[in-house]
Each structure stands twice: as structure tokens, then as C-alpha cells.
Amino acid sequence: MDLDVEAIKARIEALKSEHRDLDEAIARLGDQGPFNPVHVQRLKKRKLALKDLIARLESQLLPDIIA
């Protein structure tokens, strides 16, 4: 089970890194002047999808609580 937890944690870190990279890319595009809004929209959608995936993986790390 520890291997699964470690694999999930490693995946989360990789996804967070990609999320940060996308954030920086979007900021750079905004600073450059004229840019393709469709390209920016795709980057933002990918960033949101990563955020959702990170949240799902983090929820797998939390123990189930039986009320």
C-alpha cells in the first residue's frame, strides 16, 4: 500500500509542476502583447483539468472516515 501512496504523491508533484509551468506560460503570453486567445483558452482549460486531477488524487490519500 505504501507504494501506491508514494506513487500518488509523486504523480501529484508532477502535476503541480506542470500546473505551475502552465501558469507561467499564460503569464508570459499576456505580457508579450498580441497573442492568440484560443491558445490561451486551451492552456487555461488544461490548467483547470490538472487542478481537478490533483484534487482527485489528493482525496485518494485521505483515509475514509466511517461516521
PDB file of N, CA and C in Angstrom:
ATOM      1  N   MET A   1       0.831  -1.193   0.000  1.00  0.00           N
ATOM      2  CA  MET A   1       0.000   0.000   0.000  1.00  0.00           C
ATOM      3  C   MET A   1       0.878   1.261   0.000  1.00  0.00           C
ATOM      4  N   ASP A   2       2.023   1.188   0.659  1.00  0.00           N
ATOM      5  CA  ASP A   2       2.901   2.350   0.696  1.00  0.00           C
ATOM      6  C   ASP A   2       3.390   2.729  -0.689  1.00  0.00           C
ATOM      7  N   LEU A   3       3.568   1.722  -1.561  1.00  0.00           N
ATOM      8  CA  LEU A   3       3.988   2.017  -2.929  1.00  0.00           C
ATOM      9  C   LEU A   3       2.914   2.810  -3.657  1.00  0.00           C
ATOM     10  N   ASP A   4       1.658   2.469  -3.431  1.00  0.00           N
ATOM     11  CA  ASP A   4       0.559   3.201  -4.055  1.00  0.00           C
ATOM     12  C   ASP A   4       0.534   4.650  -3.575  1.00  0.00           C
ATOM     13  N   VAL A   5       0.692   4.842  -2.297  1.00  0.00           N
ATOM     14  CA  VAL A   5       0.672   6.190  -1.718  1.00  0.00           C
ATOM     15  C   VAL A   5       1.832   6.998  -2.266  1.00  0.00           C
ATOM     16  N   GLU A   6       3.004   6.393  -2.318  1.00  0.00           N
ATOM     17  CA  GLU A   6       4.179   7.100  -2.833  1.00  0.00           C
ATOM     18  C   GLU A   6       4.016   7.421  -4.318  1.00  0.00           C
ATOM     19  N   ALA A   7       3.414   6.508  -5.070  1.00  0.00           N
ATOM     20  CA  ALA A   7       3.185   6.741  -6.495  1.00  0.00           C
ATOM     21  C   ALA A   7       2.189   7.887  -6.701  1.00  0.00           C
ATOM     22  N   ILE A   8       1.162   7.925  -5.875  1.00  0.00           N
ATOM     23  CA  ILE A   8       0.178   9.007  -5.969  1.00  0.00           C
ATOM     24  C   ILE A   8       0.826  10.338  -5.610  1.00  0.00           C
ATOM     25  N   LYS A   9       1.637  10.350  -4.558  1.00  0.00           N
ATOM     26  CA  LYS A   9       2.313  11.587  -4.158  1.00  0.00           C
ATOM     27  C   LYS A   9       3.252  12.081  -5.264  1.00  0.00           C
ATOM     28  N   ALA A  10       3.968  11.160  -5.889  1.00  0.00           N
ATOM     29  CA  ALA A  10       4.875  11.537  -6.979  1.00  0.00           C
ATOM     30  C   ALA A  10       4.092  12.092  -8.162  1.00  0.00           C
ATOM     31  N   ARG A  11       2.968  11.476  -8.464  1.00  0.00           N
ATOM     32  CA  ARG A  11       2.121  11.949  -9.571  1.00  0.00           C
ATOM     33  C   ARG A  11       1.575  13.340  -9.270  1.00  0.00           C
ATOM     34  N   ILE A  12       1.165  13.563  -8.024  1.00  0.00           N
ATOM     35  CA  ILE A  12       0.649  14.876  -7.621  1.00  0.00           C
ATOM     36  C   ILE A  12       1.733  15.935  -7.798  1.00  0.00           C
ATOM     37  N   GLU A  13       2.939  15.644  -7.384  1.00  0.00           N
ATOM     38  CA  GLU A  13       4.037  16.610  -7.522  1.00  0.00           C
ATOM     39  C   GLU A  13       4.317  16.919  -8.982  1.00  0.00           C
ATOM     40  N   ALA A  14       4.274  15.903  -9.834  1.00  0.00           N
ATOM     41  CA  ALA A  14       4.499  16.124 -11.268  1.00  0.00           C
ATOM     42  C   ALA A  14       3.392  16.992 -11.859  1.00  0.00           C
ATOM     43  N   LEU A  15       2.155  16.735 -11.457  1.00  0.00           N
ATOM     44  CA  LEU A  15       1.022  17.518 -11.954  1.00  0.00           C
ATOM     45  C   LEU A  15       1.091  18.958 -11.451  1.00  0.00           C
ATOM     46  N   LYS A  16       1.500  19.146 -10.200  1.00  0.00           N
ATOM     47  CA  LYS A  16       1.637  20.502  -9.664  1.00  0.00           C
ATOM     48  C   LYS A  16       2.714  21.278 -10.418  1.00  0.00           C
ATOM     49  N   SER A  17       3.779  20.591 -10.775  1.00  0.00           N
ATOM     50  CA  SER A  17       4.845  21.230 -11.538  1.00  0.00           C
ATOM     51  C   SER A  17       4.337  21.661 -12.913  1.00  0.00           C
ATOM     52  N   GLU A  18       3.592  20.776 -13.565  1.00  0.00           N
ATOM     53  CA  GLU A  18       3.018  21.131 -14.864  1.00  0.00           C
ATOM     54  C   GLU A  18       2.033  22.289 -14.727  1.00  0.00           C
ATOM     55  N   HIS A  19       1.257  22.298 -13.646  1.00  0.00           N
ATOM     56  CA  HIS A  19       0.292  23.369 -13.385  1.00  0.00           C
ATOM     57  C   HIS A  19       1.015  24.708 -13.245  1.00  0.00           C
ATOM     58  N   ARG A  20       2.123  24.721 -12.496  1.00  0.00           N
ATOM     59  CA  ARG A  20       2.923  25.943 -12.337  1.00  0.00           C
ATOM     60  C   ARG A  20       3.507  26.401 -13.674  1.00  0.00           C
ATOM     61  N   ASP A  21       3.981  25.446 -14.456  1.00  0.00           N
ATOM     62  CA  ASP A  21       4.543  25.774 -15.764  1.00  0.00           C
ATOM     63  C   ASP A  21       3.489  26.416 -16.670  1.00  0.00           C
ATOM     64  N   LEU A  22       2.285  25.874 -16.639  1.00  0.00           N
ATOM     65  CA  LEU A  22       1.205  26.453 -17.438  1.00  0.00           C
ATOM     66  C   LEU A  22       0.873  27.863 -16.964  1.00  0.00           C
ATOM     67  N   ASP A  23       0.875  28.054 -15.661  1.00  0.00           N
ATOM     68  CA  ASP A  23       0.599  29.379 -15.095  1.00  0.00           C
ATOM     69  C   ASP A  23       1.627  30.389 -15.598  1.00  0.00           C
ATOM     70  N   GLU A  24       2.889  29.985 -15.590  1.00  0.00           N
ATOM     71  CA  GLU A  24       3.948  30.869 -16.072  1.00  0.00           C
ATOM     72  C   GLU A  24       3.818  31.126 -17.578  1.00  0.00           C
ATOM     73  N   ALA A  25       3.467  30.112 -18.334  1.00  0.00           N
ATOM     74  CA  ALA A  25       3.307  30.270 -19.785  1.00  0.00           C
ATOM     75  C   ALA A  25       2.167  31.230 -20.103  1.00  0.00           C
ATOM     76  N   ILE A  26       1.074  31.119 -19.373  1.00  0.00           N
ATOM     77  CA  ILE A  26      -0.068  32.015 -19.585  1.00  0.00           C
ATOM     78  C   ILE A  26       0.326  33.446 -19.255  1.00  0.00           C
ATOM     79  N   ALA A  27       1.060  33.626 -18.170  1.00  0.00           N
ATOM     80  CA  ALA A  27       1.509  34.967 -17.783  1.00  0.00           C
ATOM     81  C   ALA A  27       2.438  35.561 -18.840  1.00  0.00           C
ATOM     82  N   ARG A  28       3.346  34.739 -19.363  1.00  0.00           N
ATOM     83  CA  ARG A  28       4.268  35.219 -20.402  1.00  0.00           C
ATOM     84  C   ARG A  28       3.512  35.622 -21.658  1.00  0.00           C
ATOM     85  N   LEU A  29       2.521  34.838 -22.041  1.00  0.00           N
ATOM     86  CA  LEU A  29       1.738  35.170 -23.230  1.00  0.00           C
ATOM     87  C   LEU A  29       1.015  36.501 -23.049  1.00  0.00           C
ATOM     88  N   GLY A  30       0.512  36.746 -21.860  1.00  0.00           N
ATOM     89  CA  GLY A  30      -0.182  38.001 -21.583  1.00  0.00           C
ATOM     90  C   GLY A  30       0.745  39.193 -21.631  1.00  0.00           C
ATOM     91  N   ASP A  31       2.015  38.993 -21.276  1.00  0.00           N
ATOM     92  CA  ASP A  31       2.987  40.080 -21.259  1.00  0.00           C
ATOM     93  C   ASP A  31       3.566  40.392 -22.636  1.00  0.00           C
ATOM     94  N   GLN A  32       3.454  39.454 -23.563  1.00  0.00           N
ATOM     95  CA  GLN A  32       4.107  39.605 -24.854  1.00  0.00           C
ATOM     96  C   GLN A  32       3.377  40.540 -25.815  1.00  0.00           C
ATOM     97  N   GLY A  33       2.208  40.939 -25.496  1.00  0.00           N
ATOM     98  CA  GLY A  33       1.464  41.794 -26.423  1.00  0.00           C
ATOM     99  C   GLY A  33       0.405  40.975 -27.134  1.00  0.00           C
ATOM    100  N   PRO A  34       0.316  41.092 -28.459  1.00  0.00           N
ATOM    101  CA  PRO A  34      -0.731  40.344 -29.166  1.00  0.00           C
ATOM    102  C   PRO A  34      -0.511  38.833 -29.025  1.00  0.00           C
ATOM    103  N   PHE A  35      -1.576  38.144 -28.691  1.00  0.00           N
ATOM    104  CA  PHE A  35      -1.497  36.698 -28.513  1.00  0.00           C
ATOM    105  C   PHE A  35      -2.768  36.067 -29.038  1.00  0.00           C
ATOM    106  N   ASN A  36      -2.716  34.789 -29.250  1.00  0.00           N
ATOM    107  CA  ASN A  36      -3.855  34.027 -29.751  1.00  0.00           C
ATOM    108  C   ASN A  36      -4.755  33.653 -28.570  1.00  0.00           C
ATOM    109  N   PRO A  37      -5.953  34.235 -28.488  1.00  0.00           N
ATOM    110  CA  PRO A  37      -6.819  33.943 -27.339  1.00  0.00           C
ATOM    111  C   PRO A  37      -7.256  32.476 -27.277  1.00  0.00           C
ATOM    112  N   VAL A  38      -7.328  31.816 -28.415  1.00  0.00           N
ATOM    113  CA  VAL A  38      -7.707  30.396 -28.419  1.00  0.00           C
ATOM    114  C   VAL A  38      -6.610  29.567 -27.751  1.00  0.00           C
ATOM    115  N   HIS A  39      -5.364  29.917 -28.027  1.00  0.00           N
ATOM    116  CA  HIS A  39      -4.239  29.209 -27.409  1.00  0.00           C
ATOM    117  C   HIS A  39      -4.256  29.408 -25.886  1.00  0.00           C
ATOM    118  N   VAL A  40      -4.498  30.623 -25.451  1.00  0.00           N
ATOM    119  CA  VAL A  40      -4.559  30.914 -24.013  1.00  0.00           C
ATOM    120  C   VAL A  40      -5.717  30.152 -23.373  1.00  0.00           C
ATOM    121  N   GLN A  41      -6.842  30.106 -24.069  1.00  0.00           N
ATOM    122  CA  GLN A  41      -8.011  29.390 -23.543  1.00  0.00           C
ATOM    123  C   GLN A  41      -7.693  27.903 -23.384  1.00  0.00           C
ATOM    124  N   ARG A  42      -6.987  27.319 -24.334  1.00  0.00           N
ATOM    125  CA  ARG A  42      -6.609  25.900 -24.235  1.00  0.00           C
ATOM    126  C   ARG A  42      -5.669  25.662 -23.059  1.00  0.00           C
ATOM    127  N   LEU A  43      -4.725  26.565 -22.876  1.00  0.00           N
ATOM    128  CA  LEU A  43      -3.810  26.437 -21.738  1.00  0.00           C
ATOM    129  C   LEU A  43      -4.576  26.519 -20.416  1.00  0.00           C
ATOM    130  N   LYS A  44      -5.530  27.430 -20.337  1.00  0.00           N
ATOM    131  CA  LYS A  44      -6.316  27.580 -19.107  1.00  0.00           C
ATOM    132  C   LYS A  44      -7.182  26.352 -18.858  1.00  0.00           C
ATOM    133  N   LYS A  45      -7.738  25.754 -19.915  1.00  0.00           N
ATOM    134  CA  LYS A  45      -8.532  24.537 -19.751  1.00  0.00           C
ATOM    135  C   LYS A  45      -7.666  23.393 -19.249  1.00  0.00           C
ATOM    136  N   ARG A  46      -6.461  23.296 -19.803  1.00  0.00           N
ATOM    137  CA  ARG A  46      -5.538  22.243 -19.360  1.00  0.00           C
ATOM    138  C   ARG A  46      -5.164  22.451 -17.899  1.00  0.00           C
ATOM    139  N   LYS A  47      -4.942  23.710 -17.530  1.00  0.00           N
ATOM    140  CA  LYS A  47      -4.592  24.047 -16.153  1.00  0.00           C
ATOM    141  C   LYS A  47      -5.729  23.657 -15.203  1.00  0.00           C
ATOM    142  N   LEU A  48      -6.957  23.934 -15.588  1.00  0.00           N
ATOM    143  CA  LEU A  48      -8.113  23.571 -14.767  1.00  0.00           C
ATOM    144  C   LEU A  48      -8.258  22.053 -14.660  1.00  0.00           C
ATOM    145  N   ALA A  49      -8.029  21.359 -15.763  1.00  0.00           N
ATOM    146  CA  ALA A  49      -8.109  19.896 -15.734  1.00  0.00           C
ATOM    147  C   ALA A  49      -7.053  19.324 -14.789  1.00  0.00           C
ATOM    148  N   LEU A  50      -5.849  19.915 -14.808  1.00  0.00           N
ATOM    149  CA  LEU A  50      -4.803  19.473 -13.895  1.00  0.00           C
ATOM    150  C   LEU A  50      -5.206  19.707 -12.448  1.00  0.00           C
ATOM    151  N   LYS A  51      -5.804  20.854 -12.182  1.00  0.00           N
ATOM    152  CA  LYS A  51      -6.239  21.180 -10.820  1.00  0.00           C
ATOM    153  C   LYS A  51      -7.270  20.153 -10.328  1.00  0.00           C
ATOM    154  N   ASP A  52      -8.201  19.798 -11.194  1.00  0.00           N
ATOM    155  CA  ASP A  52      -9.213  18.797 -10.832  1.00  0.00           C
ATOM    156  C   ASP A  52      -8.579  17.435 -10.575  1.00  0.00           C
ATOM    157  N   LEU A  53      -7.636  17.049 -11.422  1.00  0.00           N
ATOM    158  CA  LEU A  53      -6.967  15.762 -11.250  1.00  0.00           C
ATOM    159  C   LEU A  53      -6.153  15.740  -9.961  1.00  0.00           C
ATOM    160  N   ILE A  54      -5.478  16.831  -9.661  1.00  0.00           N
ATOM    161  CA  ILE A  54      -4.719  16.927  -8.413  1.00  0.00           C
ATOM    162  C   ILE A  54      -5.655  16.768  -7.218  1.00  0.00           C
ATOM    163  N   ALA A  55      -6.801  17.425  -7.266  1.00  0.00           N
ATOM    164  CA  ALA A  55      -7.769  17.327  -6.158  1.00  0.00           C
ATOM    165  C   ALA A  55      -8.264  15.890  -5.994  1.00  0.00           C
ATOM    166  N   ARG A  56      -8.528  15.195  -7.112  1.00  0.00           N
ATOM    167  CA  ARG A  56      -8.984  13.809  -7.026  1.00  0.00           C
ATOM    168  C   ARG A  56      -7.910  12.908  -6.426  1.00  0.00           C
ATOM    169  N   LEU A  57      -6.667  13.109  -6.843  1.00  0.00           N
ATOM    170  CA  LEU A  57      -5.583  12.287  -6.315  1.00  0.00           C
ATOM    171  C   LEU A  57      -5.345  12.571  -4.838  1.00  0.00           C
ATOM    172  N   GLU A  58      -5.420  13.840  -4.447  1.00  0.00           N
ATOM    173  CA  GLU A  58      -5.239  14.182  -3.034  1.00  0.00           C
ATOM    174  C   GLU A  58      -6.350  13.587  -2.183  1.00  0.00           C
ATOM    175  N   SER A  59      -7.553  13.503  -2.726  1.00  0.00           N
ATOM    176  CA  SER A  59      -8.659  12.914  -1.955  1.00  0.00           C
ATOM    177  C   SER A  59      -8.440  11.416  -1.759  1.00  0.00           C
ATOM    178  N   GLN A  60      -7.694  10.781  -2.672  1.00  0.00           N
ATOM    179  CA  GLN A  60      -7.395   9.354  -2.509  1.00  0.00           C
ATOM    180  C   GLN A  60      -6.426   9.117  -1.355  1.00  0.00           C
ATOM    181  N   LEU A  61      -5.658  10.136  -1.008  1.00  0.00           N
ATOM    182  CA  LEU A  61      -4.695   9.990   0.082  1.00  0.00           C
ATOM    183  C   LEU A  61      -5.348  10.113   1.452  1.00  0.00           C
ATOM    184  N   LEU A  62      -6.544  10.715   1.496  1.00  0.00           N
ATOM    185  CA  LEU A  62      -7.229  10.889   2.774  1.00  0.00           C
ATOM    186  C   LEU A  62      -7.906   9.591   3.178  1.00  0.00           C
ATOM    187  N   PRO A  63      -7.798   9.196   4.442  1.00  0.00           N
ATOM    188  CA  PRO A  63      -8.447   7.965   4.882  1.00  0.00           C
ATOM    189  C   PRO A  63      -9.962   8.120   4.897  1.00  0.00           C
ATOM    190  N   ASP A  64     -10.633   7.029   4.621  1.00  0.00           N
ATOM    191  CA  ASP A  64     -12.093   7.026   4.684  1.00  0.00           C
ATOM    192  C   ASP A  64     -12.523   7.059   6.161  1.00  0.00           C
ATOM    193  N   ILE A  65     -13.464   7.940   6.439  1.00  0.00           N
ATOM    194  CA  ILE A  65     -13.961   8.079   7.815  1.00  0.00           C
ATOM    195  C   ILE A  65     -15.387   7.515   7.840  1.00  0.00           C
ATOM    196  N   ILE A  66     -15.585   6.546   8.688  1.00  0.00           N
ATOM    197  CA  ILE A  66     -16.908   5.960   8.827  1.00  0.00           C
ATOM    198  C   ILE A  66     -17.614   6.687   9.959  1.00  0.00           C
ATOM    199  N   ALA A  67     -18.724   7.330   9.609  1.00  0.00           N
ATOM    200  CA  ALA A  67     -19.439   8.126  10.609  1.00  0.00           C
ATOM    201  C   ALA A  67     -20.395   7.283  11.390  1.00  0.00           C
TER     202      ALA A  67
END
